[in-house]
């Protein structure tokens, strides 16, 4: 399981067992855990005094702390990180949930619909916020393009991509074009580039534009003009992801200002997308616990993410945002399974995990 870089903590087996019991109890009910309760839990058979000494050692290492002088202890974010890295007992996703996820991720749906379904399922199963990035441009393959002239030098671009999705764009051309010119340009692109990704098509077109335009015929000049704009990534797509279930996080907040800040964080997108993008080059599960995200508005939240692949290539990232006190052992496998099932639904050969 891949995670963010951190400094290792060396503690003995008994200390690890007690820390594991403390974290599991805290994640279950959110209350500080007393030494007496730990001493009577499990098969350790140690005295309350011994537990207190061990807790003092763990506190000196920054793994636990006492929120009140007379209270028990709770894990710090560092303690949660050690628990997730070294002590967690991950529970497999039950068969019913797997069937539900697979049923919602119908391979006949368009990619944007699959992304929305995956986000909804993550939110529904975990009762947190589910976030899924749209497939990367390298995964959007052209099936057909059509250009229709509009007034004022504008052109309507109709893109059919990945067999099932239709995108409409309006671009501003260098001049007014007639219908016959645009049809000829579309026919040329369909003949030369069908099946290639939009990103690679744009790259080839930009390379072609380096040639001397005076040496190009009218067809090529028209094609380069409209195609260079038609296949440009739109600004809103740069940070595009689907989020579901933000309202599930509201009960963790204490006032309306915190609620507003949380929703602003999801609406602004760039910071969360930046975190998700860090997962693109890392296989397996990636976790950011609290302040590890580097984003103040997520200091009290954790992000668990995994990338999904289409036809063997990384296409995007999905994840769950929830409070740092979450059932990591249950959420981690849900994210992992959903990523694999989403990739399978988008893969042409319909391979399932």
Protein backbone atom coordinates (compact mmCIF):
# COMPACT_ATOMS: atom_id res chain seq x y z
CA UNK A 1 0.00 0.00 0.00
CA UNK A 2 1.61 3.30 -1.12
CA UNK A 3 1.46 6.32 1.15
CA UNK A 4 3.00 9.70 1.75
CA UNK A 5 6.62 9.86 2.87
CA UNK A 6 7.13 9.99 6.66
CA UNK A 7 9.68 9.32 9.43
CA UNK A 8 9.50 5.81 10.84
CA UNK A 9 8.74 5.17 14.53
CA UNK A 10 10.30 2.23 16.33
CA UNK A 11 8.28 0.79 19.23
CA UNK A 12 8.09 -2.66 20.74
CA UNK A 13 5.45 -5.31 20.13
CA UNK A 14 3.58 -4.70 23.39
CA UNK A 15 3.52 -0.97 22.74
CA UNK A 16 2.19 -1.62 19.25
CA UNK A 17 -0.57 -3.85 20.62
CA UNK A 18 -1.68 -1.22 23.11
CA UNK A 19 -1.55 1.54 20.51
CA UNK A 20 -3.62 -0.60 18.15
CA UNK A 21 -6.24 -1.19 20.85
CA UNK A 22 -6.33 2.50 21.71
CA UNK A 23 -6.73 3.65 18.10
CA UNK A 24 -9.40 1.05 17.33
CA UNK A 25 -11.37 2.09 20.42
CA UNK A 26 -11.04 5.77 19.55
CA UNK A 27 -12.11 5.24 15.94
CA UNK A 28 -15.11 3.29 17.16
CA UNK A 29 -16.59 5.81 19.62
CA UNK A 30 -14.42 8.94 19.52
CA UNK A 31 -13.78 9.01 23.26
CA UNK A 32 -10.42 9.19 25.07
CA UNK A 33 -9.28 5.76 26.19
CA UNK A 34 -8.25 5.24 29.82
CA UNK A 35 -5.31 3.03 30.83
CA UNK A 36 -7.60 0.91 33.00
CA UNK A 37 -9.81 0.15 30.00
CA UNK A 38 -6.79 -0.89 27.92
CA UNK A 39 -5.47 -3.09 30.71
CA UNK A 40 -8.72 -5.05 30.75
CA UNK A 41 -8.93 -5.37 26.97
CA UNK A 42 -7.41 -8.13 24.86
CA UNK A 43 -4.96 -10.80 25.99
CA UNK A 44 -2.10 -8.59 27.18
CA UNK A 45 -2.68 -9.18 30.91
CA UNK A 46 -0.76 -6.13 32.03
CA UNK A 47 -1.51 -3.83 34.95
CA UNK A 48 -2.97 -0.37 34.65
CA UNK A 49 0.33 1.01 35.95
CA UNK A 50 2.23 -0.72 33.15
CA UNK A 51 -0.23 0.60 30.61
CA UNK A 52 0.17 4.13 32.02
CA UNK A 53 3.94 3.88 31.64
CA UNK A 54 3.62 2.66 28.06
CA UNK A 55 1.12 5.41 27.29
CA UNK A 56 3.57 7.97 28.67
CA UNK A 57 6.24 6.57 26.35
CA UNK A 58 3.87 6.72 23.37
CA UNK A 59 2.97 10.29 24.29
CA UNK A 60 6.66 11.25 24.37
CA UNK A 61 6.93 9.85 20.83
CA UNK A 62 4.04 12.04 19.71
CA UNK A 63 1.72 9.11 18.98
CA UNK A 64 -0.99 9.85 21.59
CA UNK A 65 -2.04 12.76 23.79
CA UNK A 66 -4.49 13.60 26.55
CA UNK A 67 -7.11 16.17 25.50
CA UNK A 68 -7.81 16.89 29.19
CA UNK A 69 -5.67 16.49 32.29
CA UNK A 70 -7.82 13.78 33.86
CA UNK A 71 -8.97 12.15 30.63
CA UNK A 72 -7.64 9.12 28.83
CA UNK A 73 -5.64 9.40 25.62
CA UNK A 74 -6.44 9.64 21.94
CA UNK A 75 -4.13 9.16 18.94
CA UNK A 76 -2.41 12.10 17.31
CA UNK A 77 -2.30 12.37 13.54
CA UNK A 78 1.14 10.81 13.75
CA UNK A 79 -0.34 7.97 15.78
CA UNK A 80 -3.06 7.47 13.18
CA UNK A 81 -0.39 7.38 10.48
CA UNK A 82 1.58 4.70 12.34
CA UNK A 83 -1.61 2.72 12.88
CA UNK A 84 -2.55 2.84 9.19
CA UNK A 85 0.97 2.01 8.05
CA UNK A 86 1.82 -0.79 10.47
CA UNK A 87 -1.07 -1.99 12.62
CA UNK A 88 -4.28 -1.88 10.64
CA UNK A 89 -6.30 -5.03 9.96
CA UNK A 90 -8.00 -4.31 6.62
CA UNK A 91 -11.42 -5.89 6.20
CA UNK A 92 -12.41 -7.18 2.74
CA UNK A 93 -15.42 -5.59 1.07
CA UNK A 94 -18.47 -7.80 1.52
CA UNK A 95 -19.86 -9.53 -1.55
CA UNK A 96 -23.10 -7.54 -1.46
CA UNK A 97 -21.27 -4.21 -1.67
CA UNK A 98 -19.06 -5.49 -4.51
CA UNK A 99 -22.18 -6.53 -6.45
CA UNK A 100 -23.75 -3.14 -5.79
CA UNK A 101 -20.70 -1.26 -7.05
CA UNK A 102 -20.35 -3.46 -10.12
CA UNK A 103 -24.06 -3.08 -10.86
CA UNK A 104 -23.86 0.72 -10.79
CA UNK A 105 -20.73 0.82 -12.95
CA UNK A 106 -22.42 -0.36 -16.13
CA UNK A 107 -19.90 -0.67 -19.00
CA UNK A 108 -22.55 0.71 -21.37
CA UNK A 109 -22.47 4.09 -19.62
CA UNK A 110 -20.41 6.98 -20.99
CA UNK A 111 -17.18 7.76 -19.07
CA UNK A 112 -18.64 10.87 -17.43
CA UNK A 113 -21.64 8.84 -16.26
CA UNK A 114 -19.38 6.12 -14.88
CA UNK A 115 -17.38 8.72 -12.98
CA UNK A 116 -20.56 10.15 -11.46
CA UNK A 117 -21.80 6.67 -10.52
CA UNK A 118 -18.48 5.81 -8.87
CA UNK A 119 -18.55 9.02 -6.84
CA UNK A 120 -22.10 8.30 -5.70
CA UNK A 121 -21.26 4.74 -4.72
CA UNK A 122 -18.21 5.81 -2.70
CA UNK A 123 -20.32 8.34 -0.83
CA UNK A 124 -23.18 5.91 -0.25
CA UNK A 125 -21.05 3.03 1.05
CA UNK A 126 -18.70 5.08 3.25
CA UNK A 127 -21.14 7.83 4.27
CA UNK A 128 -18.44 10.36 3.40
CA UNK A 129 -17.59 12.46 0.34
CA UNK A 130 -16.66 10.53 -2.81
CA UNK A 131 -14.41 12.24 -5.36
CA UNK A 132 -13.46 10.94 -8.81
CA UNK A 133 -11.43 12.74 -11.48
CA UNK A 134 -12.53 12.60 -15.10
CA UNK A 135 -10.42 10.39 -17.41
CA UNK A 136 -7.18 12.01 -18.53
CA UNK A 137 -7.09 13.40 -22.09
CA UNK A 138 -4.90 10.46 -23.13
CA UNK A 139 -7.89 8.19 -22.46
CA UNK A 140 -10.38 10.16 -24.60
CA UNK A 141 -10.23 8.70 -28.11
CA UNK A 142 -11.80 10.32 -31.15
CA UNK A 143 -14.47 8.38 -33.03
CA UNK A 144 -15.86 11.16 -35.18
CA UNK A 145 -15.81 14.93 -35.45
CA UNK A 146 -18.19 17.30 -37.20
CA UNK A 147 -17.89 21.07 -37.73
CA UNK A 148 -20.89 23.35 -38.25
CA UNK A 149 -20.53 27.07 -39.11
CA UNK A 150 -22.04 29.65 -36.78
CA UNK A 151 -22.12 33.43 -37.02
CA UNK A 152 -19.24 35.71 -36.08
CA UNK A 153 -16.44 33.32 -37.01
CA UNK A 154 -17.66 30.71 -34.53
CA UNK A 155 -17.76 27.00 -35.25
CA UNK A 156 -19.76 24.32 -33.46
CA UNK A 157 -17.59 21.24 -32.88
CA UNK A 158 -19.40 17.94 -32.31
CA UNK A 159 -17.02 15.28 -30.96
CA UNK A 160 -17.94 11.64 -30.58
CA UNK A 161 -15.39 10.06 -28.22
CA UNK A 162 -14.90 6.63 -26.70
CA UNK A 163 -17.84 5.26 -28.71
CA UNK A 164 -20.45 6.42 -26.21
CA UNK A 165 -19.93 10.10 -25.39
CA UNK A 166 -20.80 13.20 -27.39
CA UNK A 167 -19.15 16.54 -26.60
CA UNK A 168 -20.23 19.87 -28.07
CA UNK A 169 -17.83 22.81 -28.16
CA UNK A 170 -18.01 26.27 -29.69
CA UNK A 171 -14.68 27.66 -30.94
CA UNK A 172 -13.67 30.99 -32.46
CA UNK A 173 -11.95 30.47 -35.81
CA UNK A 174 -9.54 32.82 -37.56
CA UNK A 175 -12.23 33.70 -40.11
CA UNK A 176 -15.70 32.72 -41.26
CA UNK A 177 -15.80 29.27 -42.85
CA UNK A 178 -18.40 27.84 -45.18
CA UNK A 179 -20.13 24.54 -44.54
CA UNK A 180 -18.33 22.81 -47.43
CA UNK A 181 -14.90 23.84 -46.09
CA UNK A 182 -15.68 22.56 -42.63
CA UNK A 183 -17.12 19.29 -43.93
CA UNK A 184 -13.96 18.69 -45.94
CA UNK A 185 -11.79 19.41 -42.89
CA UNK A 186 -13.88 17.06 -40.71
CA UNK A 187 -13.65 14.29 -43.31
CA UNK A 188 -9.87 14.67 -43.40
CA UNK A 189 -9.56 14.48 -39.60
CA UNK A 190 -11.89 11.47 -39.38
CA UNK A 191 -9.86 9.66 -42.03
CA UNK A 192 -6.48 10.47 -40.46
CA UNK A 193 -7.05 10.46 -36.72
CA UNK A 194 -10.00 8.24 -35.75
CA UNK A 195 -9.06 6.09 -32.77
CA UNK A 196 -6.30 8.39 -31.53
CA UNK A 197 -6.54 10.31 -28.26
CA UNK A 198 -7.53 13.96 -28.37
CA UNK A 199 -4.22 14.83 -26.71
CA UNK A 200 -2.14 13.08 -29.38
CA UNK A 201 -4.22 14.58 -32.19
CA UNK A 202 -3.62 18.07 -30.83
CA UNK A 203 0.10 17.32 -30.56
CA UNK A 204 0.33 16.25 -34.21
CA UNK A 205 -1.69 19.27 -35.31
CA UNK A 206 0.54 21.67 -33.38
CA UNK A 207 3.60 20.05 -34.95
CA UNK A 208 2.04 20.54 -38.39
CA UNK A 209 1.41 24.21 -37.64
CA UNK A 210 5.15 24.78 -37.39
CA UNK A 211 5.30 24.39 -41.17
CA UNK A 212 5.17 27.43 -43.42
CA UNK A 213 1.47 28.19 -43.93
CA UNK A 214 2.23 29.60 -47.33
CA UNK A 215 3.16 26.08 -48.43
CA UNK A 216 -0.12 24.53 -47.19
CA UNK A 217 -3.17 24.10 -49.37
CA UNK A 218 -6.55 25.54 -48.39
CA UNK A 219 -7.79 22.28 -46.88
CA UNK A 220 -4.81 21.97 -44.56
CA UNK A 221 -5.00 25.61 -43.48
CA UNK A 222 -8.70 25.20 -42.63
CA UNK A 223 -8.04 21.93 -40.82
CA UNK A 224 -5.18 23.32 -38.75
CA UNK A 225 -7.15 26.41 -37.78
CA UNK A 226 -10.32 24.72 -36.55
CA UNK A 227 -8.68 21.53 -35.25
CA UNK A 228 -6.04 23.29 -33.16
CA UNK A 229 -8.86 24.98 -31.25
CA UNK A 230 -11.31 22.07 -31.29
CA UNK A 231 -8.88 19.68 -29.61
CA UNK A 232 -7.51 22.12 -27.04
CA UNK A 233 -8.26 21.12 -23.42
CA UNK A 234 -10.91 23.42 -22.00
CA UNK A 235 -9.98 25.33 -18.86
CA UNK A 236 -12.79 23.78 -16.84
CA UNK A 237 -11.52 20.31 -17.71
CA UNK A 238 -8.08 20.95 -16.24
CA UNK A 239 -9.43 20.62 -12.68
CA UNK A 240 -12.54 18.56 -13.35
CA UNK A 241 -13.76 15.95 -10.93
CA UNK A 242 -17.10 14.78 -9.60
CA UNK A 243 -17.84 14.95 -5.88
CA UNK A 244 -20.80 13.42 -4.05
CA UNK A 245 -21.81 13.50 -0.41
CA UNK A 246 -20.16 16.69 0.83
CA UNK A 247 -23.14 17.09 3.17
CA UNK A 248 -22.08 13.87 4.92
CA UNK A 249 -19.19 15.82 6.45
CA UNK A 250 -21.24 18.69 7.86
CA UNK A 251 -22.01 16.96 11.18
CA UNK A 252 -18.28 17.10 11.99
CA UNK A 253 -18.28 20.91 11.84
CA UNK A 254 -19.05 23.27 14.69
CA UNK A 255 -20.25 26.45 12.94
CA UNK A 256 -21.54 27.84 9.65
CA UNK A 257 -18.16 29.35 8.75
CA UNK A 258 -16.55 25.91 8.80
CA UNK A 259 -19.38 24.55 6.65
CA UNK A 260 -18.88 27.36 4.14
CA UNK A 261 -15.12 26.79 4.03
CA UNK A 262 -15.55 23.06 3.44
CA UNK A 263 -17.94 23.56 0.54
CA UNK A 264 -15.67 26.27 -0.88
CA UNK A 265 -12.80 23.77 -0.80
CA UNK A 266 -14.73 21.32 -2.95
CA UNK A 267 -16.00 24.05 -5.27
CA UNK A 268 -12.54 25.60 -5.80
CA UNK A 269 -11.22 22.15 -6.78
CA UNK A 270 -7.59 22.87 -7.58
CA UNK A 271 -6.17 21.91 -4.16
CA UNK A 272 -8.07 18.62 -3.97
CA UNK A 273 -7.22 17.80 -7.58
CA UNK A 274 -3.57 18.50 -6.76
CA UNK A 275 -3.75 15.92 -3.97
CA UNK A 276 -5.48 13.40 -6.22
CA UNK A 277 -2.94 13.95 -8.98
CA UNK A 278 -0.14 12.97 -6.59
CA UNK A 279 -1.61 9.47 -6.75
CA UNK A 280 -1.27 9.17 -10.54
CA UNK A 281 2.32 7.94 -10.45
CA UNK A 282 1.89 5.70 -7.41
CA UNK A 283 0.34 2.25 -7.51
CA UNK A 284 -2.00 1.17 -4.75
CA UNK A 285 -3.69 3.23 -2.05
CA UNK A 286 -2.50 6.74 -1.17
CA UNK A 287 -3.47 8.38 2.14
CA UNK A 288 -3.25 11.95 3.37
CA UNK A 289 -4.13 12.22 7.07
CA UNK A 290 -5.00 15.67 8.38
CA UNK A 291 -2.21 18.18 7.92
CA UNK A 292 -0.33 15.85 5.55
CA UNK A 293 -2.44 17.27 2.74
CA UNK A 294 -0.76 20.65 3.14
CA UNK A 295 -4.17 22.26 2.66
CA UNK A 296 -5.47 24.05 5.76
CA UNK A 297 -9.15 23.40 5.05
CA UNK A 298 -8.47 19.65 5.14
CA UNK A 299 -6.47 19.67 8.41
CA UNK A 300 -9.23 17.72 10.16
CA UNK A 301 -9.90 15.34 7.28
CA UNK A 302 -8.29 12.38 5.62
CA UNK A 303 -8.17 11.59 1.91
CA UNK A 304 -7.90 7.95 0.82
CA UNK A 305 -7.33 7.62 -2.92
CA UNK A 306 -6.38 5.16 -5.64
CA UNK A 307 -5.82 5.52 -9.35
CA UNK A 308 -7.95 3.69 -11.90
CA UNK A 309 -6.63 2.29 -15.15
CA UNK A 310 -8.20 1.89 -18.60
CA UNK A 311 -6.73 -0.57 -21.06
CA UNK A 312 -3.65 -0.90 -18.86
CA UNK A 313 -2.96 2.84 -18.68
CA UNK A 314 -3.58 5.23 -15.80
CA UNK A 315 -6.75 7.20 -16.52
CA UNK A 316 -7.64 9.03 -13.32
CA UNK A 317 -7.98 8.95 -9.54
CA UNK A 318 -10.83 8.36 -7.14
CA UNK A 319 -11.06 8.66 -3.40
CA UNK A 320 -12.96 9.39 -0.22
CA UNK A 321 -12.70 12.50 1.96
CA UNK A 322 -13.80 12.05 5.55
CA UNK A 323 -12.89 12.94 9.13
CA UNK A 324 -9.54 11.72 10.42
CA UNK A 325 -11.54 9.55 12.80
CA UNK A 326 -12.81 7.16 10.18
CA UNK A 327 -12.92 3.37 9.88
CA UNK A 328 -9.76 3.11 7.75
CA UNK A 329 -9.88 -0.69 7.75
CA UNK A 330 -13.24 -0.55 5.95
CA UNK A 331 -12.79 2.51 3.74
CA UNK A 332 -9.41 1.53 2.25
CA UNK A 333 -10.69 -1.68 0.58
CA UNK A 334 -13.83 0.11 -0.68
CA UNK A 335 -11.65 2.68 -2.47
CA UNK A 336 -9.41 -0.06 -3.86
CA UNK A 337 -12.28 -2.20 -5.18
CA UNK A 338 -14.15 0.77 -6.66
CA UNK A 339 -11.02 1.92 -8.52
CA UNK A 340 -10.55 -1.51 -10.07
CA UNK A 341 -14.23 -1.88 -10.98
CA UNK A 342 -14.37 1.61 -12.51
CA UNK A 343 -11.31 0.87 -14.64
CA UNK A 344 -12.83 -2.44 -15.71
CA UNK A 345 -16.08 -0.75 -16.73
CA UNK A 346 -14.19 1.74 -18.89
CA UNK A 347 -11.90 -0.87 -20.42
CA UNK A 348 -12.84 -2.06 -23.87
CA UNK A 349 -12.38 -5.74 -23.09
CA UNK A 350 -14.55 -5.40 -19.97
CA UNK A 351 -12.02 -7.18 -17.81
CA UNK A 352 -13.12 -7.29 -14.15
CA UNK A 353 -10.93 -7.64 -11.07
